């Protein structure tokens, strides 16, 4: 499986879609990365659902330098269905696509 490395604009689009720009900017502001996981279980009713997770520091949801391919069980959720599809590690995100 190929994991996409997002540029700043693509990361913002994902965060906007998930209504999570403020939360993602907290993560990025402390130097963490953003991992994008997607439910890829073809037999599950929430196929395609996205989860955003921080990684890279002791304060992150995933304390690893690189996020694992499969989302571990965190926050009382069973996450084996979620596969890593993209990552972003860079500056905080503007509030709108294109920095407007």
PDB file of N, CA and C in Angstrom:
ATOM      1  N   UNK A   1       0.831  -1.166   0.000  1.00  0.00           N
ATOM      2  CA  UNK A   1       0.000   0.000   0.000  1.00  0.00           C
ATOM      3  C   UNK A   1       0.884   1.241   0.000  1.00  0.00           C
ATOM      4  N   UNK A   2       0.493   2.238  -0.768  1.00  0.00           N
ATOM      5  CA  UNK A   2       1.230   3.485  -0.839  1.00  0.00           C
ATOM      6  C   UNK A   2       0.602   4.501   0.103  1.00  0.00           C
ATOM      7  N   UNK A   3       1.442   5.157   0.883  1.00  0.00           N
ATOM      8  CA  UNK A   3       0.995   6.208   1.793  1.00  0.00           C
ATOM      9  C   UNK A   3       1.398   7.538   1.177  1.00  0.00           C
ATOM     10  N   UNK A   4       0.430   8.416   0.997  1.00  0.00           N
ATOM     11  CA  UNK A   4       0.672   9.709   0.384  1.00  0.00           C
ATOM     12  C   UNK A   4       1.222  10.687   1.415  1.00  0.00           C
ATOM     13  N   UNK A   5       2.216  11.463   1.015  1.00  0.00           N
ATOM     14  CA  UNK A   5       2.703  12.562   1.840  1.00  0.00           C
ATOM     15  C   UNK A   5       2.002  13.816   1.351  1.00  0.00           C
ATOM     16  N   UNK A   6       1.203  14.407   2.215  1.00  0.00           N
ATOM     17  CA  UNK A   6       0.404  15.560   1.826  1.00  0.00           C
ATOM     18  C   UNK A   6       1.223  16.846   1.829  1.00  0.00           C
ATOM     19  N   UNK A   7       0.908  17.745   0.884  1.00  0.00           N
ATOM     20  CA  UNK A   7       1.465  19.086   0.969  1.00  0.00           C
ATOM     21  C   UNK A   7       0.546  19.903   1.873  1.00  0.00           C
ATOM     22  N   UNK A   8       0.922  21.125   2.183  1.00  0.00           N
ATOM     23  CA  UNK A   8       0.177  21.931   3.140  1.00  0.00           C
ATOM     24  C   UNK A   8      -1.271  22.154   2.694  1.00  0.00           C
ATOM     25  N   UNK A   9      -1.494  22.431   1.417  1.00  0.00           N
ATOM     26  CA  UNK A   9      -2.853  22.681   0.933  1.00  0.00           C
ATOM     27  C   UNK A   9      -3.724  21.432   1.021  1.00  0.00           C
ATOM     28  N   UNK A  10      -3.168  20.273   0.678  1.00  0.00           N
ATOM     29  CA  UNK A  10      -3.933  19.029   0.774  1.00  0.00           C
ATOM     30  C   UNK A  10      -4.255  18.683   2.220  1.00  0.00           C
ATOM     31  N   UNK A  11      -3.308  18.912   3.125  1.00  0.00           N
ATOM     32  CA  UNK A  11      -3.552  18.666   4.543  1.00  0.00           C
ATOM     33  C   UNK A  11      -4.670  19.573   5.051  1.00  0.00           C
ATOM     34  N   UNK A  12      -4.681  20.834   4.601  1.00  0.00           N
ATOM     35  CA  UNK A  12      -5.741  21.757   4.991  1.00  0.00           C
ATOM     36  C   UNK A  12      -7.093  21.282   4.476  1.00  0.00           C
ATOM     37  N   UNK A  13      -7.151  20.799   3.242  1.00  0.00           N
ATOM     38  CA  UNK A  13      -8.415  20.308   2.688  1.00  0.00           C
ATOM     39  C   UNK A  13      -8.973  19.161   3.524  1.00  0.00           C
ATOM     40  N   UNK A  14      -8.106  18.238   3.935  1.00  0.00           N
ATOM     41  CA  UNK A  14      -8.543  17.121   4.770  1.00  0.00           C
ATOM     42  C   UNK A  14      -9.033  17.630   6.122  1.00  0.00           C
ATOM     43  N   UNK A  15      -8.278  18.534   6.734  1.00  0.00           N
ATOM     44  CA  UNK A  15      -8.663  19.066   8.043  1.00  0.00           C
ATOM     45  C   UNK A  15      -9.972  19.843   7.962  1.00  0.00           C
ATOM     46  N   UNK A  16     -10.163  20.608   6.893  1.00  0.00           N
ATOM     47  CA  UNK A  16     -11.419  21.333   6.711  1.00  0.00           C
ATOM     48  C   UNK A  16     -12.582  20.363   6.545  1.00  0.00           C
ATOM     49  N   UNK A  17     -12.384  19.343   5.758  1.00  0.00           N
ATOM     50  CA  UNK A  17     -13.407  18.330   5.542  1.00  0.00           C
ATOM     51  C   UNK A  17     -13.827  17.699   6.867  1.00  0.00           C
ATOM     52  N   UNK A  18     -12.860  17.461   7.725  1.00  0.00           N
ATOM     53  CA  UNK A  18     -13.125  16.835   9.018  1.00  0.00           C
ATOM     54  C   UNK A  18     -13.481  17.865  10.098  1.00  0.00           C
ATOM     55  N   UNK A  19     -13.551  19.143   9.736  1.00  0.00           N
ATOM     56  CA  UNK A  19     -13.832  20.227  10.681  1.00  0.00           C
ATOM     57  C   UNK A  19     -12.873  20.157  11.874  1.00  0.00           C
ATOM     58  N   UNK A  20     -11.599  19.985  11.569  1.00  0.00           N
ATOM     59  CA  UNK A  20     -10.610  19.758  12.620  1.00  0.00           C
ATOM     60  C   UNK A  20      -9.370  20.635  12.486  1.00  0.00           C
ATOM     61  N   UNK A  21      -9.463  21.758  11.798  1.00  0.00           N
ATOM     62  CA  UNK A  21      -8.277  22.591  11.571  1.00  0.00           C
ATOM     63  C   UNK A  21      -7.658  23.045  12.889  1.00  0.00           C
ATOM     64  N   UNK A  22      -8.479  23.516  13.827  1.00  0.00           N
ATOM     65  CA  UNK A  22      -7.939  23.990  15.101  1.00  0.00           C
ATOM     66  C   UNK A  22      -7.211  22.881  15.850  1.00  0.00           C
ATOM     67  N   UNK A  23      -7.797  21.696  15.900  1.00  0.00           N
ATOM     68  CA  UNK A  23      -7.181  20.561  16.597  1.00  0.00           C
ATOM     69  C   UNK A  23      -5.880  20.158  15.893  1.00  0.00           C
ATOM     70  N   UNK A  24      -5.890  20.076  14.569  1.00  0.00           N
ATOM     71  CA  UNK A  24      -4.686  19.717  13.818  1.00  0.00           C
ATOM     72  C   UNK A  24      -3.594  20.752  14.043  1.00  0.00           C
ATOM     73  N   UNK A  25      -3.950  22.032  14.093  1.00  0.00           N
ATOM     74  CA  UNK A  25      -2.947  23.074  14.322  1.00  0.00           C
ATOM     75  C   UNK A  25      -2.318  22.989  15.705  1.00  0.00           C
ATOM     76  N   UNK A  26      -3.060  22.519  16.698  1.00  0.00           N
ATOM     77  CA  UNK A  26      -2.463  22.272  18.021  1.00  0.00           C
ATOM     78  C   UNK A  26      -1.370  21.212  17.873  1.00  0.00           C
ATOM     79  N   UNK A  27      -1.689  20.154  17.171  1.00  0.00           N
ATOM     80  CA  UNK A  27      -0.708  19.074  16.969  1.00  0.00           C
ATOM     81  C   UNK A  27       0.526  19.585  16.231  1.00  0.00           C
ATOM     82  N   UNK A  28       0.296  20.279  15.113  1.00  0.00           N
ATOM     83  CA  UNK A  28       1.411  20.769  14.298  1.00  0.00           C
ATOM     84  C   UNK A  28       2.224  21.812  15.053  1.00  0.00           C
ATOM     85  N   UNK A  29       1.566  22.640  15.847  1.00  0.00           N
ATOM     86  CA  UNK A  29       2.246  23.674  16.618  1.00  0.00           C
ATOM     87  C   UNK A  29       3.236  23.121  17.625  1.00  0.00           C
ATOM     88  N   UNK A  30       2.973  21.918  18.135  1.00  0.00           N
ATOM     89  CA  UNK A  30       3.925  21.327  19.081  1.00  0.00           C
ATOM     90  C   UNK A  30       4.940  20.417  18.377  1.00  0.00           C
ATOM     91  N   UNK A  31       4.886  20.393  17.027  1.00  0.00           N
ATOM     92  CA  UNK A  31       5.868  19.625  16.262  1.00  0.00           C
ATOM     93  C   UNK A  31       5.436  18.229  15.882  1.00  0.00           C
ATOM     94  N   UNK A  32       4.200  17.860  16.176  1.00  0.00           N
ATOM     95  CA  UNK A  32       3.695  16.531  15.797  1.00  0.00           C
ATOM     96  C   UNK A  32       3.308  16.501  14.327  1.00  0.00           C
ATOM     97  N   UNK A  33       3.052  15.304  13.845  1.00  0.00           N
ATOM     98  CA  UNK A  33       2.559  15.115  12.494  1.00  0.00           C
ATOM     99  C   UNK A  33       1.089  14.736  12.518  1.00  0.00           C
ATOM    100  N   UNK A  34       0.477  14.784  11.342  1.00  0.00           N
ATOM    101  CA  UNK A  34      -0.911  14.394  11.138  1.00  0.00           C
ATOM    102  C   UNK A  34      -0.919  13.095  10.334  1.00  0.00           C
ATOM    103  N   UNK A  35      -1.551  12.062  10.873  1.00  0.00           N
ATOM    104  CA  UNK A  35      -1.716  10.799  10.161  1.00  0.00           C
ATOM    105  C   UNK A  35      -3.190  10.672   9.773  1.00  0.00           C
ATOM    106  N   UNK A  36      -3.435  10.325   8.513  1.00  0.00           N
ATOM    107  CA  UNK A  36      -4.793  10.173   8.006  1.00  0.00           C
ATOM    108  C   UNK A  36      -5.039   8.679   7.776  1.00  0.00           C
ATOM    109  N   UNK A  37      -6.017   8.155   8.494  1.00  0.00           N
ATOM    110  CA  UNK A  37      -6.387   6.743   8.377  1.00  0.00           C
ATOM    111  C   UNK A  37      -7.779   6.636   7.772  1.00  0.00           C
ATOM    112  N   UNK A  38      -7.996   5.575   6.987  1.00  0.00           N
ATOM    113  CA  UNK A  38      -9.292   5.355   6.346  1.00  0.00           C
ATOM    114  C   UNK A  38      -9.757   3.926   6.586  1.00  0.00           C
ATOM    115  N   UNK A  39     -11.059   3.786   6.890  1.00  0.00           N
ATOM    116  CA  UNK A  39     -11.651   2.457   7.037  1.00  0.00           C
ATOM    117  C   UNK A  39     -11.684   1.808   5.662  1.00  0.00           C
ATOM    118  N   UNK A  40     -10.956   0.710   5.508  1.00  0.00           N
ATOM    119  CA  UNK A  40     -10.882   0.029   4.225  1.00  0.00           C
ATOM    120  C   UNK A  40     -11.464  -1.380   4.273  1.00  0.00           C
ATOM    121  N   UNK A  41     -12.297  -1.637   5.269  1.00  0.00           N
ATOM    122  CA  UNK A  41     -12.976  -2.929   5.389  1.00  0.00           C
ATOM    123  C   UNK A  41     -14.192  -2.926   4.461  1.00  0.00           C
ATOM    124  N   UNK A  42     -14.095  -3.636   3.353  1.00  0.00           N
ATOM    125  CA  UNK A  42     -15.142  -3.638   2.327  1.00  0.00           C
ATOM    126  C   UNK A  42     -16.494  -4.111   2.838  1.00  0.00           C
ATOM    127  N   UNK A  43     -16.520  -4.868   3.927  1.00  0.00           N
ATOM    128  CA  UNK A  43     -17.785  -5.401   4.431  1.00  0.00           C
ATOM    129  C   UNK A  43     -18.378  -4.547   5.555  1.00  0.00           C
ATOM    130  N   UNK A  44     -17.753  -3.438   5.878  1.00  0.00           N
ATOM    131  CA  UNK A  44     -18.193  -2.622   7.009  1.00  0.00           C
ATOM    132  C   UNK A  44     -19.052  -1.447   6.539  1.00  0.00           C
ATOM    133  N   UNK A  45     -20.123  -1.113   7.277  1.00  0.00           N
ATOM    134  CA  UNK A  45     -21.002  -0.023   6.846  1.00  0.00           C
ATOM    135  C   UNK A  45     -20.350   1.358   6.843  1.00  0.00           C
ATOM    136  N   UNK A  46     -19.226   1.529   7.548  1.00  0.00           N
ATOM    137  CA  UNK A  46     -18.549   2.830   7.532  1.00  0.00           C
ATOM    138  C   UNK A  46     -17.308   2.819   6.631  1.00  0.00           C
ATOM    139  N   UNK A  47     -17.345   1.997   5.599  1.00  0.00           N
ATOM    140  CA  UNK A  47     -16.257   1.960   4.616  1.00  0.00           C
ATOM    141  C   UNK A  47     -15.965   3.375   4.128  1.00  0.00           C
ATOM    142  N   UNK A  48     -14.687   3.754   4.114  1.00  0.00           N
ATOM    143  CA  UNK A  48     -14.279   5.060   3.617  1.00  0.00           C
ATOM    144  C   UNK A  48     -14.186   6.148   4.662  1.00  0.00           C
ATOM    145  N   UNK A  49     -14.668   5.894   5.876  1.00  0.00           N
ATOM    146  CA  UNK A  49     -14.610   6.903   6.935  1.00  0.00           C
ATOM    147  C   UNK A  49     -13.146   7.205   7.269  1.00  0.00           C
ATOM    148  N   UNK A  50     -12.870   8.485   7.508  1.00  0.00           N
ATOM    149  CA  UNK A  50     -11.512   8.968   7.784  1.00  0.00           C
ATOM    150  C   UNK A  50     -11.356   9.259   9.278  1.00  0.00           C
ATOM    151  N   UNK A  51     -10.164   8.959   9.811  1.00  0.00           N
ATOM    152  CA  UNK A  51      -9.800   9.360  11.171  1.00  0.00           C
ATOM    153  C   UNK A  51      -8.462  10.085  11.106  1.00  0.00           C
ATOM    154  N   UNK A  52      -8.377  11.211  11.805  1.00  0.00           N
ATOM    155  CA  UNK A  52      -7.142  11.981  11.900  1.00  0.00           C
ATOM    156  C   UNK A  52      -6.516  11.711  13.251  1.00  0.00           C
ATOM    157  N   UNK A  53      -5.191  11.491  13.264  1.00  0.00           N
ATOM    158  CA  UNK A  53      -4.486  11.127  14.487  1.00  0.00           C
ATOM    159  C   UNK A  53      -3.151  11.869  14.518  1.00  0.00           C
ATOM    160  N   UNK A  54      -2.758  12.350  15.702  1.00  0.00           N
ATOM    161  CA  UNK A  54      -1.449  12.981  15.851  1.00  0.00           C
ATOM    162  C   UNK A  54      -0.394  11.917  16.135  1.00  0.00           C
ATOM    163  N   UNK A  55       0.842  12.204  15.704  1.00  0.00           N
ATOM    164  CA  UNK A  55       1.947  11.293  15.991  1.00  0.00           C
ATOM    165  C   UNK A  55       3.239  12.074  16.156  1.00  0.00           C
ATOM    166  N   UNK A  56       4.170  11.480  16.903  1.00  0.00           N
ATOM    167  CA  UNK A  56       5.517  12.028  16.924  1.00  0.00           C
ATOM    168  C   UNK A  56       6.058  12.566  18.229  1.00  0.00           C
ATOM    169  N   UNK A  57       5.247  12.658  19.283  1.00  0.00           N
ATOM    170  CA  UNK A  57       5.770  13.148  20.559  1.00  0.00           C
ATOM    171  C   UNK A  57       5.045  12.432  21.690  1.00  0.00           C
ATOM    172  N   UNK A  58       5.544  12.566  22.915  1.00  0.00           N
ATOM    173  CA  UNK A  58       4.845  11.956  24.045  1.00  0.00           C
ATOM    174  C   UNK A  58       3.430  12.512  24.255  1.00  0.00           C
ATOM    175  N   UNK A  59       3.155  13.715  23.758  1.00  0.00           N
ATOM    176  CA  UNK A  59       1.817  14.304  23.899  1.00  0.00           C
ATOM    177  C   UNK A  59       0.860  13.855  22.792  1.00  0.00           C
ATOM    178  N   UNK A  60       1.381  13.183  21.769  1.00  0.00           N
ATOM    179  CA  UNK A  60       0.560  12.762  20.620  1.00  0.00           C
ATOM    180  C   UNK A  60      -0.258  11.511  20.943  1.00  0.00           C
ATOM    181  N   UNK A  61      -1.264  11.274  20.116  1.00  0.00           N
ATOM    182  CA  UNK A  61      -2.049  10.053  20.258  1.00  0.00           C
ATOM    183  C   UNK A  61      -1.185   8.824  19.975  1.00  0.00           C
ATOM    184  N   UNK A  62      -0.309   8.937  18.994  1.00  0.00           N
ATOM    185  CA  UNK A  62       0.659   7.884  18.685  1.00  0.00           C
ATOM    186  C   UNK A  62       2.041   8.446  18.985  1.00  0.00           C
ATOM    187  N   UNK A  63       2.733   7.879  19.956  1.00  0.00           N
ATOM    188  CA  UNK A  63       4.013   8.422  20.414  1.00  0.00           C
ATOM    189  C   UNK A  63       5.197   7.978  19.563  1.00  0.00           C
ATOM    190  N   UNK A  64       4.942   7.468  18.364  1.00  0.00           N
ATOM    191  CA  UNK A  64       5.991   6.967  17.487  1.00  0.00           C
ATOM    192  C   UNK A  64       6.466   8.048  16.525  1.00  0.00           C
ATOM    193  N   UNK A  65       7.713   7.904  16.024  1.00  0.00           N
ATOM    194  CA  UNK A  65       8.242   8.854  15.050  1.00  0.00           C
ATOM    195  C   UNK A  65       7.496   8.762  13.726  1.00  0.00           C
ATOM    196  N   UNK A  66       7.108   7.551  13.353  1.00  0.00           N
ATOM    197  CA  UNK A  66       6.356   7.305  12.122  1.00  0.00           C
ATOM    198  C   UNK A  66       5.082   6.553  12.478  1.00  0.00           C
ATOM    199  N   UNK A  67       3.941   6.937  11.897  1.00  0.00           N
ATOM    200  CA  UNK A  67       2.696   6.247  12.237  1.00  0.00           C
ATOM    201  C   UNK A  67       2.676   4.836  11.661  1.00  0.00           C
ATOM    202  N   UNK A  68       2.067   3.887  12.381  1.00  0.00           N
ATOM    203  CA  UNK A  68       1.979   2.528  11.866  1.00  0.00           C
ATOM    204  C   UNK A  68       0.995   2.429  10.696  1.00  0.00           C
ATOM    205  N   UNK A  69       1.141   1.400   9.905  1.00  0.00           N
ATOM    206  CA  UNK A  69       0.286   1.180   8.740  1.00  0.00           C
ATOM    207  C   UNK A  69      -1.167   0.982   9.144  1.00  0.00           C
ATOM    208  N   UNK A  70      -1.388   0.281  10.230  1.00  0.00           N
ATOM    209  CA  UNK A  70      -2.737   0.047  10.747  1.00  0.00           C
ATOM    210  C   UNK A  70      -2.911   0.846  12.030  1.00  0.00           C
ATOM    211  N   UNK A  71      -4.041   1.537  12.165  1.00  0.00           N
ATOM    212  CA  UNK A  71      -4.302   2.350  13.350  1.00  0.00           C
ATOM    213  C   UNK A  71      -4.475   1.457  14.574  1.00  0.00           C
ATOM    214  N   UNK A  72      -3.653   1.669  15.594  1.00  0.00           N
ATOM    215  CA  UNK A  72      -3.792   0.868  16.818  1.00  0.00           C
ATOM    216  C   UNK A  72      -5.107   1.199  17.539  1.00  0.00           C
ATOM    217  N   UNK A  73      -5.496   0.332  18.439  1.00  0.00           N
ATOM    218  CA  UNK A  73      -6.677   0.573  19.268  1.00  0.00           C
ATOM    219  C   UNK A  73      -6.340   1.667  20.273  1.00  0.00           C
ATOM    220  N   UNK A  74      -6.947   2.834  20.103  1.00  0.00           N
ATOM    221  CA  UNK A  74      -6.742   3.957  21.016  1.00  0.00           C
ATOM    222  C   UNK A  74      -8.103   4.558  21.348  1.00  0.00           C
ATOM    223  N   UNK A  75      -8.182   5.218  22.479  1.00  0.00           N
ATOM    224  CA  UNK A  75      -9.420   5.882  22.851  1.00  0.00           C
ATOM    225  C   UNK A  75     -10.608   4.955  22.963  1.00  0.00           C
ATOM    226  N   UNK A  76     -10.391   3.747  23.431  1.00  0.00           N
ATOM    227  CA  UNK A  76     -11.440   2.733  23.588  1.00  0.00           C
ATOM    228  C   UNK A  76     -12.072   2.295  22.279  1.00  0.00           C
ATOM    229  N   UNK A  77     -11.442   2.595  21.160  1.00  0.00           N
ATOM    230  CA  UNK A  77     -11.951   2.201  19.852  1.00  0.00           C
ATOM    231  C   UNK A  77     -11.130   1.041  19.303  1.00  0.00           C
ATOM    232  N   UNK A  78     -11.810   0.126  18.648  1.00  0.00           N
ATOM    233  CA  UNK A  78     -11.137  -0.975  17.959  1.00  0.00           C
ATOM    234  C   UNK A  78     -10.927  -0.507  16.523  1.00  0.00           C
ATOM    235  N   UNK A  79      -9.666  -0.345  16.134  1.00  0.00           N
ATOM    236  CA  UNK A  79      -9.340   0.365  14.892  1.00  0.00           C
ATOM    237  C   UNK A  79      -8.682  -0.472  13.804  1.00  0.00           C
ATOM    238  N   UNK A  80      -8.749  -1.770  13.874  1.00  0.00           N
ATOM    239  CA  UNK A  80      -8.022  -2.569  12.897  1.00  0.00           C
ATOM    240  C   UNK A  80      -8.460  -2.306  11.463  1.00  0.00           C
ATOM    241  N   UNK A  81      -9.650  -1.772  11.253  1.00  0.00           N
ATOM    242  CA  UNK A  81     -10.149  -1.502   9.901  1.00  0.00           C
ATOM    243  C   UNK A  81      -9.455  -0.310   9.238  1.00  0.00           C
ATOM    244  N   UNK A  82      -8.838   0.538  10.049  1.00  0.00           N
ATOM    245  CA  UNK A  82      -8.293   1.795   9.552  1.00  0.00           C
ATOM    246  C   UNK A  82      -6.838   1.641   9.112  1.00  0.00           C
ATOM    247  N   UNK A  83      -6.590   1.960   7.837  1.00  0.00           N
ATOM    248  CA  UNK A  83      -5.266   1.858   7.233  1.00  0.00           C
ATOM    249  C   UNK A  83      -4.733   3.263   6.961  1.00  0.00           C
ATOM    250  N   UNK A  84      -3.437   3.428   7.155  1.00  0.00           N
ATOM    251  CA  UNK A  84      -2.781   4.711   6.909  1.00  0.00           C
ATOM    252  C   UNK A  84      -2.825   5.026   5.418  1.00  0.00           C
ATOM    253  N   UNK A  85      -3.357   6.209   5.074  1.00  0.00           N
ATOM    254  CA  UNK A  85      -3.428   6.595   3.670  1.00  0.00           C
ATOM    255  C   UNK A  85      -2.615   7.849   3.361  1.00  0.00           C
ATOM    256  N   UNK A  86      -2.322   8.672   4.386  1.00  0.00           N
ATOM    257  CA  UNK A  86      -1.559   9.895   4.130  1.00  0.00           C
ATOM    258  C   UNK A  86      -0.975  10.426   5.434  1.00  0.00           C
ATOM    259  N   UNK A  87       0.085  11.219   5.301  1.00  0.00           N
ATOM    260  CA  UNK A  87       0.709  11.883   6.444  1.00  0.00           C
ATOM    261  C   UNK A  87       1.049  13.316   6.064  1.00  0.00           C
ATOM    262  N   UNK A  88       1.112  14.171   7.086  1.00  0.00           N
ATOM    263  CA  UNK A  88       1.558  15.546   6.905  1.00  0.00           C
ATOM    264  C   UNK A  88       2.336  15.945   8.142  1.00  0.00           C
ATOM    265  N   UNK A  89       3.482  16.552   7.905  1.00  0.00           N
ATOM    266  CA  UNK A  89       4.275  17.100   8.998  1.00  0.00           C
ATOM    267  C   UNK A  89       4.897  18.378   8.465  1.00  0.00           C
ATOM    268  N   UNK A  90       4.450  19.508   8.997  1.00  0.00           N
ATOM    269  CA  UNK A  90       4.923  20.784   8.492  1.00  0.00           C
ATOM    270  C   UNK A  90       4.339  21.913   9.301  1.00  0.00           C
ATOM    271  N   UNK A  91       4.288  23.112   8.695  1.00  0.00           N
ATOM    272  CA  UNK A  91       3.773  24.271   9.424  1.00  0.00           C
ATOM    273  C   UNK A  91       2.278  24.146   9.690  1.00  0.00           C
ATOM    274  N   UNK A  92       1.796  24.956  10.625  1.00  0.00           N
ATOM    275  CA  UNK A  92       0.358  24.970  10.906  1.00  0.00           C
ATOM    276  C   UNK A  92      -0.385  25.393   9.652  1.00  0.00           C
ATOM    277  N   UNK A  93      -1.670  25.052   9.612  1.00  0.00           N
ATOM    278  CA  UNK A  93      -2.475  25.238   8.429  1.00  0.00           C
ATOM    279  C   UNK A  93      -3.222  26.576   8.479  1.00  0.00           C
ATOM    280  N   UNK A  94      -3.317  27.222   7.319  1.00  0.00           N
ATOM    281  CA  UNK A  94      -4.119  28.435   7.201  1.00  0.00           C
ATOM    282  C   UNK A  94      -5.579  28.044   7.383  1.00  0.00           C
ATOM    283  N   UNK A  95      -6.430  28.995   7.635  1.00  0.00           N
ATOM    284  CA  UNK A  95      -7.844  28.687   7.859  1.00  0.00           C
ATOM    285  C   UNK A  95      -8.593  28.349   6.577  1.00  0.00           C
ATOM    286  N   UNK A  96      -8.066  28.727   5.406  1.00  0.00           N
ATOM    287  CA  UNK A  96      -8.771  28.489   4.150  1.00  0.00           C
ATOM    288  C   UNK A  96      -7.784  27.988   3.114  1.00  0.00           C
ATOM    289  N   UNK A  97      -8.274  27.212   2.147  1.00  0.00           N
ATOM    290  CA  UNK A  97      -7.451  26.714   1.052  1.00  0.00           C
ATOM    291  C   UNK A  97      -6.908  27.895   0.283  1.00  0.00           C
ATOM    292  N   UNK A  98      -5.639  27.879  -0.028  1.00  0.00           N
ATOM    293  CA  UNK A  98      -5.001  28.971  -0.755  1.00  0.00           C
ATOM    294  C   UNK A  98      -4.560  30.112   0.144  1.00  0.00           C
ATOM    295  N   UNK A  99      -4.725  29.953   1.468  1.00  0.00           N
ATOM    296  CA  UNK A  99      -4.283  30.959   2.424  1.00  0.00           C
ATOM    297  C   UNK A  99      -5.110  32.221   2.440  1.00  0.00           C
ATOM    298  N   UNK A 100      -6.312  32.166   1.872  1.00  0.00           N
ATOM    299  CA  UNK A 100      -7.176  33.355   1.796  1.00  0.00           C
ATOM    300  C   UNK A 100      -7.861  33.624   3.105  1.00  0.00           C
TER     301      UNK A 100
END
